[in-house]
């Protein structure tokens, strides 16, 4: 599930929740596409993502790329263990440039 708040300052606060799998990828992409042009910067809270697969990971990559092309800031924060697993799998955490806090499990 995607929730987006557009602030008057141009910051879009995005909250992603639940399972982000191939079944949600089209909705996720649509949600970002509706708002990206209205935002000067976008921050994505990933703390409540319980599962993520490569389809939704590719959506986040595309959004990041679009923000870079439009010279907009894009950050992700509060990475859940499911998100960290995908970032680790592809060894791509540094591409996003966000601080990653690994749990001591």
Protein backbone atom coordinates (compact mmCIF):
# COMPACT_ATOMS: atom_id res chain seq x y z
CA UNK A 1 0.00 0.00 0.00
CA UNK A 2 1.21 3.48 -0.83
CA UNK A 3 0.22 6.67 0.98
CA UNK A 4 1.48 10.02 -0.27
CA UNK A 5 1.19 13.39 1.46
CA UNK A 6 2.03 16.47 -0.59
CA UNK A 7 3.27 19.27 1.64
CA UNK A 8 2.99 22.92 0.65
CA UNK A 9 6.79 23.10 0.67
CA UNK A 10 6.88 20.66 -2.25
CA UNK A 11 8.01 17.72 -0.13
CA UNK A 12 6.13 14.50 -0.79
CA UNK A 13 6.11 12.14 2.17
CA UNK A 14 5.52 8.60 0.98
CA UNK A 15 4.69 5.71 3.30
CA UNK A 16 4.87 2.16 1.95
CA UNK A 17 3.23 -0.62 3.95
CA UNK A 18 2.63 -4.34 3.81
CA UNK A 19 3.64 -6.66 1.02
CA UNK A 20 5.30 -5.08 -1.99
CA UNK A 21 5.29 -7.86 -4.54
CA UNK A 22 4.63 -8.21 -8.23
CA UNK A 23 0.91 -8.04 -7.43
CA UNK A 24 1.26 -4.50 -6.05
CA UNK A 25 3.93 -3.23 -8.47
CA UNK A 26 1.52 -1.64 -10.99
CA UNK A 27 -0.38 0.22 -8.25
CA UNK A 28 2.89 1.32 -6.65
CA UNK A 29 4.17 2.65 -9.97
CA UNK A 30 0.90 4.48 -10.63
CA UNK A 31 0.93 6.04 -7.17
CA UNK A 32 4.41 7.44 -7.67
CA UNK A 33 3.67 8.62 -11.22
CA UNK A 34 0.65 10.64 -10.06
CA UNK A 35 2.72 12.64 -7.61
CA UNK A 36 6.29 12.84 -8.83
CA UNK A 37 5.75 15.95 -10.96
CA UNK A 38 4.10 17.75 -8.03
CA UNK A 39 7.06 17.16 -5.71
CA UNK A 40 10.28 19.09 -5.31
CA UNK A 41 11.61 16.32 -3.08
CA UNK A 42 10.39 12.89 -2.09
CA UNK A 43 11.05 10.90 1.07
CA UNK A 44 9.91 7.29 1.41
CA UNK A 45 9.27 5.60 4.78
CA UNK A 46 9.87 1.85 4.45
CA UNK A 47 9.46 0.86 8.11
CA UNK A 48 6.22 -1.06 7.63
CA UNK A 49 7.14 -3.08 4.54
CA UNK A 50 6.71 -6.74 5.44
CA UNK A 51 7.82 -8.21 2.10
CA UNK A 52 9.47 -6.85 -1.03
CA UNK A 53 10.31 -8.58 -4.28
CA UNK A 54 12.30 -7.50 -7.29
CA UNK A 55 9.27 -6.08 -9.14
CA UNK A 56 8.66 -3.41 -6.51
CA UNK A 57 12.37 -2.90 -6.05
CA UNK A 58 12.54 -2.04 -9.76
CA UNK A 59 9.75 0.51 -9.24
CA UNK A 60 11.83 2.21 -6.53
CA UNK A 61 14.86 2.21 -8.86
CA UNK A 62 12.78 3.83 -11.60
CA UNK A 63 11.44 6.49 -9.22
CA UNK A 64 14.95 7.25 -8.00
CA UNK A 65 16.17 7.55 -11.61
CA UNK A 66 13.26 9.85 -12.52
CA UNK A 67 13.96 12.08 -9.52
CA UNK A 68 17.63 12.32 -10.46
CA UNK A 69 16.71 13.23 -14.05
CA UNK A 70 14.35 15.95 -12.77
CA UNK A 71 16.98 17.14 -10.26
CA UNK A 72 14.75 16.29 -7.31
CA UNK A 73 15.84 14.85 -4.01
CA UNK A 74 14.78 11.25 -3.33
CA UNK A 75 15.46 9.59 0.01
CA UNK A 76 14.35 6.40 1.68
CA UNK A 77 14.36 5.94 5.45
CA UNK A 78 13.48 3.47 8.19
CA UNK A 79 14.26 0.45 6.01
CA UNK A 80 12.45 -2.66 7.24
CA UNK A 81 14.30 -6.01 7.38
CA UNK A 82 12.49 -7.08 4.17
CA UNK A 83 13.79 -4.01 2.32
CA UNK A 84 17.29 -4.46 3.72
CA UNK A 85 17.30 -8.06 2.46
CA UNK A 86 16.58 -6.91 -1.11
CA UNK A 87 19.15 -4.11 -0.95
CA UNK A 88 21.72 -6.58 0.36
CA UNK A 89 20.81 -9.17 -2.28
CA UNK A 90 21.63 -6.70 -5.07
CA UNK A 91 24.42 -4.95 -3.14
CA UNK A 92 22.87 -1.63 -4.14
CA UNK A 93 22.23 0.20 -0.87
CA UNK A 94 24.88 2.80 -1.67
CA UNK A 95 23.14 3.71 -4.96
CA UNK A 96 20.27 5.24 -3.03
CA UNK A 97 22.66 7.08 -0.72
CA UNK A 98 20.50 6.61 2.36
CA UNK A 99 21.83 5.61 5.76
CA UNK A 100 21.08 1.94 6.36
CA UNK A 101 20.73 0.75 9.93
CA UNK A 102 21.20 -2.98 10.20
CA UNK A 103 19.53 -4.81 13.03
CA UNK A 104 21.50 -7.07 15.34
CA UNK A 105 19.39 -10.18 14.66
